[in-house]
N, C-alpha and C. Protein backbone atom coordinates (compact mmCIF):
# COMPACT_ATOMS: atom_id res chain seq x y z
N MET A 1 16.73 -73.44 155.83
CA MET A 1 16.61 -74.69 156.68
C MET A 1 16.82 -74.31 158.30
N HIS A 2 16.07 -74.91 159.07
CA HIS A 2 16.11 -74.61 160.51
C HIS A 2 17.24 -75.37 160.98
N ARG A 3 17.83 -74.66 162.18
CA ARG A 3 19.00 -75.26 162.69
C ARG A 3 18.64 -76.46 163.76
N ARG A 4 19.44 -77.47 163.72
CA ARG A 4 19.27 -78.49 164.41
C ARG A 4 19.84 -78.41 165.98
N SER A 5 19.11 -78.75 166.90
CA SER A 5 19.38 -78.56 168.40
C SER A 5 20.69 -79.34 168.42
N LEU A 6 21.67 -78.81 169.17
CA LEU A 6 22.94 -79.65 169.38
C LEU A 6 22.80 -80.72 170.38
N ILE A 7 21.71 -80.67 171.29
CA ILE A 7 21.46 -81.38 172.40
C ILE A 7 20.44 -82.50 172.08
N GLY A 8 19.32 -82.10 171.44
CA GLY A 8 18.16 -82.97 171.20
C GLY A 8 18.19 -83.52 169.76
N ALA A 9 17.52 -84.58 169.36
CA ALA A 9 17.52 -85.11 168.20
C ALA A 9 16.27 -84.52 167.28
N ALA A 10 15.54 -83.82 167.83
CA ALA A 10 14.44 -83.15 167.16
C ALA A 10 14.70 -81.75 166.55
N MET A 11 14.14 -81.43 165.41
CA MET A 11 14.33 -80.10 165.03
C MET A 11 13.68 -79.06 166.00
N VAL A 12 14.34 -78.06 166.49
CA VAL A 12 13.84 -77.20 167.33
C VAL A 12 14.00 -75.70 166.94
N LEU A 13 13.05 -75.05 166.63
CA LEU A 13 13.23 -73.59 166.27
C LEU A 13 13.67 -72.91 167.60
N PRO A 14 14.49 -71.91 167.41
CA PRO A 14 14.85 -71.15 168.58
C PRO A 14 13.68 -70.56 169.41
N TRP A 15 12.80 -69.92 168.69
CA TRP A 15 11.65 -69.27 169.34
C TRP A 15 10.71 -70.46 170.09
N ALA A 16 10.79 -71.53 169.51
CA ALA A 16 9.97 -72.58 170.11
C ALA A 16 10.69 -73.15 171.42
N ALA A 17 11.94 -73.28 171.32
CA ALA A 17 12.70 -73.66 172.61
C ALA A 17 12.56 -72.67 173.70
N ARG A 18 12.63 -71.30 173.30
CA ARG A 18 12.44 -70.31 174.29
C ARG A 18 10.89 -70.32 174.94
N ALA A 19 10.08 -70.65 174.20
CA ALA A 19 8.68 -70.69 174.57
C ALA A 19 8.54 -71.84 175.56
N GLN A 20 9.00 -72.84 175.16
CA GLN A 20 8.91 -74.24 175.92
C GLN A 20 9.65 -74.00 177.21
N ASN A 21 10.79 -73.38 177.30
CA ASN A 21 11.56 -73.25 178.47
C ASN A 21 11.03 -72.09 179.27
N ALA A 22 10.24 -71.14 178.78
CA ALA A 22 9.44 -70.02 179.60
C ALA A 22 8.45 -70.82 180.24
N ASP A 23 7.83 -71.69 179.70
CA ASP A 23 6.65 -72.46 180.34
C ASP A 23 7.26 -73.33 181.44
N ALA A 24 8.25 -73.99 181.24
CA ALA A 24 8.92 -74.76 182.27
C ALA A 24 9.33 -73.82 183.46
N GLN A 25 9.89 -72.66 183.09
CA GLN A 25 10.31 -71.77 184.39
C GLN A 25 9.14 -71.28 185.01
N ALA A 26 8.22 -71.07 184.54
CA ALA A 26 6.94 -70.66 185.27
C ALA A 26 6.45 -71.82 186.23
N LYS A 27 6.41 -73.01 185.91
CA LYS A 27 6.01 -74.20 186.49
C LYS A 27 7.15 -74.29 187.63
N ILE A 28 8.52 -74.23 187.44
CA ILE A 28 9.46 -74.39 188.43
C ILE A 28 9.28 -73.30 189.61
N ARG A 29 9.03 -72.08 189.30
CA ARG A 29 8.76 -70.94 190.17
C ARG A 29 7.74 -71.16 191.07
N THR A 30 6.60 -71.88 190.52
CA THR A 30 5.43 -72.11 191.36
C THR A 30 5.76 -73.15 192.42
N GLY A 31 6.74 -74.04 192.22
CA GLY A 31 7.25 -75.03 193.09
C GLY A 31 6.49 -76.33 193.14
N GLY A 32 6.84 -77.08 194.17
CA GLY A 32 6.18 -78.43 194.29
C GLY A 32 6.42 -79.38 193.10
N VAL A 33 7.57 -79.12 192.46
CA VAL A 33 7.98 -79.94 191.35
C VAL A 33 9.35 -80.46 191.53
N VAL A 34 9.63 -81.41 190.51
CA VAL A 34 11.04 -81.82 190.50
C VAL A 34 11.43 -81.66 189.10
N VAL A 35 12.53 -81.30 188.93
CA VAL A 35 13.15 -80.91 187.43
C VAL A 35 14.20 -82.15 187.37
N ALA A 36 13.70 -83.10 186.62
CA ALA A 36 14.55 -84.26 186.59
C ALA A 36 15.14 -84.31 185.22
N PHE A 37 16.55 -84.35 185.22
CA PHE A 37 17.48 -84.39 183.90
C PHE A 37 17.97 -85.72 183.66
N ARG A 38 18.23 -85.79 182.28
CA ARG A 38 19.00 -86.97 181.85
C ARG A 38 20.49 -86.38 181.93
N HIS A 39 21.51 -87.12 182.35
CA HIS A 39 22.73 -86.62 182.42
C HIS A 39 23.19 -85.98 181.01
N ALA A 40 24.11 -85.13 181.15
CA ALA A 40 24.69 -84.47 179.94
C ALA A 40 25.36 -85.58 179.06
N LEU A 41 25.80 -85.11 177.92
CA LEU A 41 26.39 -85.90 176.89
C LEU A 41 27.54 -86.73 177.21
N ALA A 42 27.46 -88.23 177.33
CA ALA A 42 28.33 -89.05 177.69
C ALA A 42 28.33 -90.06 176.45
N PRO A 43 29.20 -89.97 175.53
CA PRO A 43 29.17 -90.59 174.28
C PRO A 43 29.17 -92.12 174.52
N GLY A 44 28.41 -92.82 173.58
CA GLY A 44 28.22 -94.30 173.68
C GLY A 44 27.00 -94.79 174.15
N THR A 45 26.75 -96.02 174.43
CA THR A 45 25.58 -96.52 174.98
C THR A 45 26.15 -97.59 175.90
N PHE A 46 25.37 -97.66 177.05
CA PHE A 46 25.56 -98.50 178.17
C PHE A 46 27.04 -98.47 178.52
N ASP A 47 27.21 -99.01 179.88
CA ASP A 47 28.74 -98.81 180.35
C ASP A 47 29.36 -100.22 179.87
N PRO A 48 30.72 -100.28 179.83
CA PRO A 48 31.41 -101.38 179.33
C PRO A 48 31.17 -102.50 180.37
N PRO A 49 31.49 -103.75 180.01
CA PRO A 49 31.25 -105.02 180.71
C PRO A 49 31.99 -104.98 182.15
N GLU A 50 33.13 -104.13 182.13
CA GLU A 50 33.89 -104.15 183.33
C GLU A 50 33.54 -103.02 184.30
N PHE A 51 32.39 -102.50 184.06
CA PHE A 51 31.77 -101.38 184.79
C PHE A 51 31.82 -101.71 186.29
N ARG A 52 32.35 -100.83 187.10
CA ARG A 52 32.18 -100.70 188.53
C ARG A 52 31.54 -99.18 189.03
N LEU A 53 30.63 -99.35 189.72
CA LEU A 53 29.82 -98.17 190.25
C LEU A 53 30.98 -97.09 190.90
N GLY A 54 31.85 -97.49 191.69
CA GLY A 54 32.62 -96.65 192.41
C GLY A 54 33.86 -96.13 191.61
N ASP A 55 34.01 -96.56 190.54
CA ASP A 55 35.37 -96.36 189.69
C ASP A 55 34.97 -95.80 188.31
N CYS A 56 35.15 -94.38 188.29
CA CYS A 56 34.85 -93.69 187.10
C CYS A 56 35.40 -94.11 185.76
N THR A 57 36.68 -94.59 185.94
CA THR A 57 37.47 -95.04 184.87
C THR A 57 36.85 -96.34 184.21
N THR A 58 35.84 -96.82 184.66
CA THR A 58 35.14 -98.17 184.21
C THR A 58 33.77 -97.65 183.53
N GLN A 59 33.43 -96.45 183.62
CA GLN A 59 32.12 -95.99 183.13
C GLN A 59 32.12 -95.10 181.91
N ARG A 60 31.04 -94.97 181.36
CA ARG A 60 30.88 -93.99 180.24
C ARG A 60 30.92 -92.55 180.97
N ASN A 61 31.63 -91.79 180.45
CA ASN A 61 31.75 -90.24 181.13
C ASN A 61 31.44 -89.19 180.27
N LEU A 62 31.24 -88.09 180.97
CA LEU A 62 30.95 -86.80 180.07
C LEU A 62 32.16 -86.52 179.23
N ASN A 63 31.80 -86.07 177.98
CA ASN A 63 33.04 -85.66 177.18
C ASN A 63 33.18 -84.03 177.33
N ASP A 64 33.86 -83.35 176.42
CA ASP A 64 33.95 -81.90 176.64
C ASP A 64 32.44 -81.22 176.35
N VAL A 65 31.82 -81.74 175.41
CA VAL A 65 30.47 -81.22 174.89
C VAL A 65 29.57 -81.28 176.06
N GLY A 66 29.57 -82.54 176.86
CA GLY A 66 28.77 -82.83 178.05
C GLY A 66 29.08 -81.93 179.14
N ARG A 67 30.24 -81.75 179.35
CA ARG A 67 30.59 -80.85 180.60
C ARG A 67 30.22 -79.37 180.27
N ALA A 68 30.36 -78.97 178.97
CA ALA A 68 29.82 -77.67 178.66
C ALA A 68 28.32 -77.67 178.75
N GLN A 69 27.66 -78.67 178.30
CA GLN A 69 26.32 -78.63 178.44
C GLN A 69 25.78 -78.68 179.97
N ALA A 70 26.43 -79.31 180.71
CA ALA A 70 25.96 -79.22 182.19
C ALA A 70 26.26 -77.86 182.68
N GLN A 71 27.42 -77.27 182.47
CA GLN A 71 27.54 -75.90 182.80
C GLN A 71 26.66 -75.04 182.28
N ARG A 72 26.27 -74.92 181.19
CA ARG A 72 25.07 -74.30 180.53
C ARG A 72 23.70 -74.29 181.29
N LEU A 73 23.51 -75.60 181.64
CA LEU A 73 22.24 -75.86 182.50
C LEU A 73 22.32 -75.13 183.73
N GLY A 74 23.32 -75.14 184.49
CA GLY A 74 23.55 -74.47 185.81
C GLY A 74 23.38 -72.92 185.56
N GLN A 75 24.05 -72.50 184.47
CA GLN A 75 24.04 -71.00 184.25
C GLN A 75 22.44 -70.65 183.84
N TRP A 76 21.75 -71.30 183.11
CA TRP A 76 20.39 -71.01 182.84
C TRP A 76 19.61 -70.86 184.28
N PHE A 77 19.76 -71.77 185.13
CA PHE A 77 19.09 -71.64 186.56
C PHE A 77 19.46 -70.36 187.20
N ARG A 78 20.73 -70.27 187.20
CA ARG A 78 21.23 -68.91 187.93
C ARG A 78 20.69 -67.63 187.06
N GLN A 79 20.68 -67.65 185.94
CA GLN A 79 20.16 -66.32 185.21
C GLN A 79 18.72 -66.27 185.59
N GLN A 80 18.04 -67.24 185.75
CA GLN A 80 16.45 -67.07 186.10
C GLN A 80 16.20 -66.75 187.46
N GLY A 81 17.31 -66.98 188.27
CA GLY A 81 17.27 -66.76 189.74
C GLY A 81 16.53 -68.07 190.37
N LEU A 82 16.61 -69.12 189.88
CA LEU A 82 16.11 -70.47 190.32
C LEU A 82 17.24 -71.31 191.16
N SER A 83 16.89 -71.51 192.32
CA SER A 83 17.73 -72.24 193.06
C SER A 83 17.07 -73.38 193.79
N PRO A 84 17.41 -74.60 193.49
CA PRO A 84 16.95 -75.82 193.97
C PRO A 84 17.06 -76.12 195.53
N ALA A 85 15.99 -76.57 196.07
CA ALA A 85 16.10 -76.90 197.50
C ALA A 85 17.04 -78.11 197.81
N ALA A 86 17.24 -78.98 196.74
CA ALA A 86 17.93 -80.09 196.78
C ALA A 86 18.38 -80.60 195.45
N VAL A 87 19.76 -81.04 195.23
CA VAL A 87 20.04 -81.61 193.93
C VAL A 87 20.48 -83.02 194.31
N ARG A 88 19.73 -83.97 193.81
CA ARG A 88 20.07 -85.51 193.97
C ARG A 88 20.49 -86.02 192.58
N SER A 89 21.23 -87.12 192.77
CA SER A 89 21.88 -87.57 191.55
C SER A 89 21.82 -89.10 191.57
N SER A 90 21.81 -89.74 190.42
CA SER A 90 22.33 -91.12 190.38
C SER A 90 23.85 -91.23 190.90
N PRO A 91 24.30 -92.29 191.42
CA PRO A 91 25.65 -92.38 191.82
C PRO A 91 26.51 -92.59 190.52
N TRP A 92 26.05 -92.81 189.47
CA TRP A 92 26.82 -92.94 188.30
C TRP A 92 27.68 -91.72 187.95
N CYS A 93 28.90 -91.77 187.80
CA CYS A 93 29.72 -90.63 187.38
C CYS A 93 29.32 -89.61 186.45
N ARG A 94 28.66 -90.02 185.29
CA ARG A 94 28.15 -89.06 184.50
C ARG A 94 27.07 -88.20 185.06
N CYS A 95 26.30 -88.90 185.86
CA CYS A 95 25.22 -88.00 186.49
C CYS A 95 25.69 -87.13 187.57
N MET A 96 26.54 -87.68 188.40
CA MET A 96 27.24 -86.70 189.62
C MET A 96 27.88 -85.55 188.76
N ASP A 97 28.75 -85.94 187.76
CA ASP A 97 29.41 -84.81 187.24
C ASP A 97 28.42 -83.67 186.56
N THR A 98 27.41 -84.13 185.86
CA THR A 98 26.35 -83.30 185.43
C THR A 98 25.76 -82.32 186.51
N ALA A 99 25.44 -83.07 187.74
CA ALA A 99 24.86 -82.43 188.85
C ALA A 99 25.70 -81.39 189.41
N THR A 100 26.94 -81.70 189.49
CA THR A 100 28.04 -80.86 190.18
C THR A 100 28.56 -79.75 189.34
N LEU A 101 28.83 -80.06 188.00
CA LEU A 101 29.01 -78.94 187.18
C LEU A 101 27.94 -77.86 186.93
N ALA A 102 26.68 -78.28 187.12
CA ALA A 102 25.48 -77.41 186.83
C ALA A 102 25.26 -76.64 188.31
N PHE A 103 25.31 -77.37 189.27
CA PHE A 103 24.78 -76.74 190.67
C PHE A 103 25.90 -76.86 191.69
N ASP A 104 26.99 -77.21 191.44
CA ASP A 104 28.03 -77.15 192.51
C ASP A 104 27.94 -78.06 193.57
N GLN A 105 27.02 -78.90 193.57
CA GLN A 105 26.67 -80.06 194.56
C GLN A 105 25.92 -80.95 194.10
N ALA A 106 25.83 -82.16 194.72
CA ALA A 106 24.82 -83.32 194.35
C ALA A 106 24.95 -84.13 195.52
N GLN A 107 23.76 -84.77 195.99
CA GLN A 107 23.74 -85.81 196.87
C GLN A 107 23.49 -87.11 196.00
N ALA A 108 24.40 -88.23 196.20
CA ALA A 108 24.15 -89.41 195.47
C ALA A 108 23.05 -90.05 196.11
N TRP A 109 22.12 -90.47 195.12
CA TRP A 109 20.85 -91.26 195.60
C TRP A 109 20.64 -92.38 194.67
N PRO A 110 21.00 -93.58 195.36
CA PRO A 110 20.73 -94.98 194.62
C PRO A 110 19.54 -95.10 193.81
N ALA A 111 18.36 -94.44 194.42
CA ALA A 111 17.09 -94.68 193.77
C ALA A 111 17.16 -94.12 192.34
N LEU A 112 18.03 -93.10 191.92
CA LEU A 112 18.03 -92.70 190.63
C LEU A 112 18.97 -93.26 189.80
N GLY A 113 19.65 -94.38 190.30
CA GLY A 113 20.56 -95.23 189.50
C GLY A 113 19.89 -95.90 188.37
N SER A 114 20.77 -96.25 187.29
CA SER A 114 20.47 -97.03 186.33
C SER A 114 19.93 -98.29 186.73
N PRO A 115 19.02 -98.99 185.87
CA PRO A 115 18.64 -100.40 186.29
C PRO A 115 19.62 -101.35 185.86
N ARG A 116 20.73 -101.02 185.05
CA ARG A 116 21.73 -101.93 184.95
C ARG A 116 22.48 -102.48 186.10
N GLY A 117 22.58 -103.75 186.30
CA GLY A 117 23.14 -104.34 187.42
C GLY A 117 22.34 -104.41 188.73
N THR A 118 21.06 -104.06 188.54
CA THR A 118 19.96 -104.17 189.62
C THR A 118 19.05 -105.20 189.32
N SER A 119 18.48 -105.80 190.14
CA SER A 119 17.46 -106.81 190.12
C SER A 119 16.32 -106.12 189.60
N PRO A 120 15.34 -106.78 188.94
CA PRO A 120 14.11 -106.31 188.44
C PRO A 120 13.27 -105.76 189.81
N GLU A 121 13.38 -106.41 190.96
CA GLU A 121 12.73 -106.29 192.11
C GLU A 121 13.19 -104.87 192.71
N ALA A 122 14.51 -104.80 192.74
CA ALA A 122 15.09 -103.57 193.33
C ALA A 122 14.92 -102.33 192.62
N TYR A 123 14.86 -102.43 191.15
CA TYR A 123 14.65 -101.50 190.43
C TYR A 123 13.20 -101.10 190.68
N ALA A 124 12.19 -101.93 190.72
CA ALA A 124 10.81 -101.56 190.84
C ALA A 124 10.61 -100.87 192.22
N ASP A 125 11.44 -101.27 193.28
CA ASP A 125 11.46 -100.54 194.58
C ASP A 125 12.00 -99.02 194.37
N ASN A 126 13.19 -98.86 193.43
CA ASN A 126 13.58 -97.74 193.37
C ASN A 126 12.52 -96.65 192.70
N LEU A 127 11.85 -97.23 191.68
CA LEU A 127 10.72 -96.44 191.03
C LEU A 127 9.65 -96.09 192.09
N LYS A 128 9.24 -96.82 192.84
CA LYS A 128 8.34 -96.60 194.13
C LYS A 128 8.89 -95.51 194.98
N THR A 129 10.17 -95.73 195.29
CA THR A 129 10.74 -94.68 196.10
C THR A 129 10.80 -93.12 195.33
N LEU A 130 10.97 -93.12 194.11
CA LEU A 130 11.07 -91.90 193.27
C LEU A 130 9.74 -91.31 193.35
N ARG A 131 8.54 -92.14 193.05
CA ARG A 131 7.22 -91.72 193.09
C ARG A 131 6.76 -91.06 194.41
N GLN A 132 7.17 -91.74 195.47
CA GLN A 132 6.98 -91.27 196.68
C GLN A 132 7.59 -89.90 196.92
N ALA A 133 8.96 -89.78 196.59
CA ALA A 133 9.72 -88.68 196.76
C ALA A 133 9.10 -87.55 196.01
N LEU A 134 8.57 -87.70 194.81
CA LEU A 134 7.76 -86.73 194.05
C LEU A 134 6.66 -86.30 194.60
N ALA A 135 5.98 -87.24 195.34
CA ALA A 135 4.87 -86.70 196.03
C ALA A 135 5.15 -85.98 197.34
N ASP A 136 6.11 -86.24 197.89
CA ASP A 136 6.61 -85.52 199.07
C ASP A 136 7.03 -84.08 198.70
N VAL A 137 7.73 -84.06 197.49
CA VAL A 137 8.03 -82.62 196.96
C VAL A 137 6.98 -81.83 196.54
N ALA A 138 5.96 -82.49 195.96
CA ALA A 138 4.78 -81.79 195.72
C ALA A 138 3.81 -81.29 196.72
N ALA A 139 4.04 -81.74 197.82
CA ALA A 139 3.41 -81.33 199.05
C ALA A 139 4.04 -79.94 199.60
N ARG A 140 5.14 -79.51 198.84
CA ARG A 140 5.73 -78.46 199.41
C ARG A 140 5.93 -77.33 198.44
N PRO A 141 4.72 -76.57 198.18
CA PRO A 141 4.84 -75.55 197.17
C PRO A 141 5.84 -74.45 197.41
N GLY A 142 6.28 -73.85 196.34
CA GLY A 142 7.34 -72.88 196.71
C GLY A 142 8.72 -73.14 196.55
N ARG A 143 8.94 -74.67 196.45
CA ARG A 143 10.35 -75.10 196.31
C ARG A 143 10.28 -76.13 195.37
N PHE A 144 11.52 -76.51 194.73
CA PHE A 144 11.67 -77.42 193.73
C PHE A 144 12.94 -78.14 194.04
N GLU A 145 13.04 -79.35 193.56
CA GLU A 145 14.41 -80.24 193.51
C GLU A 145 14.75 -80.48 192.16
N VAL A 146 16.10 -80.83 192.02
CA VAL A 146 16.54 -81.15 190.84
C VAL A 146 17.18 -82.64 191.00
N TRP A 147 16.88 -83.54 190.08
CA TRP A 147 17.28 -84.86 190.00
C TRP A 147 17.97 -85.22 188.77
N VAL A 148 19.19 -85.73 188.74
CA VAL A 148 19.87 -86.19 187.66
C VAL A 148 19.99 -87.45 187.76
N THR A 149 19.52 -88.18 186.44
CA THR A 149 19.36 -89.58 186.28
C THR A 149 19.64 -90.06 184.86
N HIS A 150 19.13 -91.16 184.48
CA HIS A 150 19.44 -91.85 183.34
C HIS A 150 18.07 -91.81 182.41
N MET A 151 18.15 -92.03 181.04
CA MET A 151 17.18 -92.11 180.23
C MET A 151 16.12 -93.27 180.67
N PHE A 152 16.51 -94.39 181.04
CA PHE A 152 15.62 -95.48 181.31
C PHE A 152 14.79 -95.19 182.42
N VAL A 153 15.42 -94.41 183.49
CA VAL A 153 14.65 -94.12 184.71
C VAL A 153 13.47 -93.04 184.26
N LEU A 154 13.98 -92.11 183.47
CA LEU A 154 12.93 -91.04 183.22
C LEU A 154 11.85 -91.60 182.39
N SER A 155 12.17 -92.60 181.45
CA SER A 155 11.20 -93.23 180.38
C SER A 155 10.23 -94.07 181.43
N ASP A 156 10.69 -94.74 182.32
CA ASP A 156 9.94 -95.56 183.27
C ASP A 156 8.92 -94.88 184.08
N LEU A 157 9.43 -93.57 184.52
CA LEU A 157 8.70 -92.75 185.37
C LEU A 157 7.44 -92.01 184.46
N VAL A 158 7.85 -91.75 183.27
CA VAL A 158 6.80 -90.77 182.58
C VAL A 158 6.38 -91.36 181.15
N GLY A 159 6.97 -92.63 180.90
CA GLY A 159 6.52 -93.18 179.52
C GLY A 159 7.17 -92.67 178.40
N GLY A 160 8.33 -91.72 178.62
CA GLY A 160 8.85 -91.11 177.31
C GLY A 160 10.42 -90.82 177.56
N GLY A 161 11.01 -90.68 176.41
CA GLY A 161 12.41 -90.56 176.46
C GLY A 161 12.81 -88.94 176.53
N VAL A 162 14.01 -88.79 176.69
CA VAL A 162 14.54 -87.26 176.74
C VAL A 162 16.00 -87.39 176.44
N SER A 163 16.59 -86.49 175.62
CA SER A 163 17.81 -86.49 175.23
C SER A 163 18.78 -86.08 176.25
N SER A 164 20.16 -86.15 175.88
CA SER A 164 21.09 -85.90 176.96
C SER A 164 20.99 -84.57 177.47
N GLY A 165 21.05 -84.33 178.66
CA GLY A 165 21.10 -82.79 179.14
C GLY A 165 19.81 -82.16 179.23
N ASP A 166 18.75 -82.91 178.69
CA ASP A 166 17.32 -82.11 178.71
C ASP A 166 16.55 -82.64 180.00
N GLY A 167 15.59 -81.81 180.32
CA GLY A 167 14.94 -81.97 181.69
C GLY A 167 13.48 -82.18 181.54
N LEU A 168 12.86 -82.67 182.43
CA LEU A 168 11.40 -82.82 182.62
C LEU A 168 11.04 -82.20 183.79
N VAL A 169 10.08 -81.33 183.81
CA VAL A 169 9.38 -80.83 185.04
C VAL A 169 8.22 -81.78 185.48
N LEU A 170 8.34 -82.20 186.59
CA LEU A 170 7.35 -83.47 186.93
C LEU A 170 6.78 -82.99 188.27
N ALA A 171 5.40 -83.41 188.42
CA ALA A 171 4.66 -83.24 189.68
C ALA A 171 4.03 -84.47 189.89
N ALA A 172 3.64 -84.77 191.10
CA ALA A 172 2.75 -85.87 191.36
C ALA A 172 1.20 -85.64 190.94
N GLY A 173 0.61 -86.38 190.24
CA GLY A 173 -0.71 -86.32 189.94
C GLY A 173 -1.64 -86.70 191.08
N VAL A 174 -3.04 -86.48 191.04
CA VAL A 174 -3.89 -86.87 191.92
C VAL A 174 -3.87 -88.37 192.24
N ASP A 175 -3.48 -89.14 191.26
CA ASP A 175 -3.44 -90.53 191.53
C ASP A 175 -2.03 -90.96 192.07
N GLY A 176 -1.18 -89.95 192.28
CA GLY A 176 0.28 -90.27 192.80
C GLY A 176 1.26 -90.69 191.88
N GLN A 177 0.90 -90.53 190.57
CA GLN A 177 1.69 -91.09 189.44
C GLN A 177 2.46 -89.81 188.95
N PRO A 178 3.61 -90.03 188.50
CA PRO A 178 4.36 -88.67 187.85
C PRO A 178 3.64 -88.07 186.74
N GLN A 179 3.47 -86.78 186.79
CA GLN A 179 2.86 -86.17 185.75
C GLN A 179 3.81 -85.15 184.94
N LEU A 180 4.03 -85.24 183.78
CA LEU A 180 4.88 -84.35 182.97
C LEU A 180 4.15 -83.02 182.83
N LEU A 181 4.70 -81.86 183.43
CA LEU A 181 4.11 -80.61 183.17
C LEU A 181 4.89 -79.75 182.17
N ALA A 182 6.25 -80.03 181.96
CA ALA A 182 6.76 -79.29 180.98
C ALA A 182 8.18 -79.89 180.59
N ARG A 183 8.86 -79.34 179.56
CA ARG A 183 10.22 -79.77 179.19
C ARG A 183 11.13 -78.80 179.29
N LEU A 184 12.50 -79.05 179.62
CA LEU A 184 13.43 -77.98 179.46
C LEU A 184 14.46 -78.75 178.40
N ALA A 185 14.80 -77.84 177.17
CA ALA A 185 15.49 -78.47 176.22
C ALA A 185 16.42 -77.46 175.58
N GLY A 186 17.75 -77.79 175.15
CA GLY A 186 18.46 -77.02 174.39
C GLY A 186 19.23 -75.98 175.25
N LEU A 187 19.40 -76.23 176.59
CA LEU A 187 20.15 -75.30 177.42
C LEU A 187 21.49 -75.36 177.19
């Protein structure tokens, strides 16, 4: 029987994950991309009703597994000699913690925030901002950025989900829409 990935829900063979991550690494090295991660494991679904953005005690947070997952993510980047030009994160604590545990830094960016508590119009503006920022990064080959955000944001950008702690290597397509180039999983 194949081992199940601790991070993803799908069955992933170790050699398949290595090949997938090697492909992602090559695309990252080329630059002009964003590696967009869903925050590491924060058990539960949605934030509690008393949620307040500036108060981590009212939010879903990383557990020990999630903190270790974020640290492994950063370790993988360091082992590959990959250093992002910028690390941007949703201001939600689980995202900021993922980014800082992995990369020792993070710039809070409201555009990466969860749609919860945001009007549909404001959320649509955030997605437009992210698409423009992706196009701006694509215009600078040789460098890449890391974004840490939420499942809903990634799903709305590229039309598919991602497991906690997994990443998508994104570029702007010729039409300006986000294009999925590769996936990073099981780090």
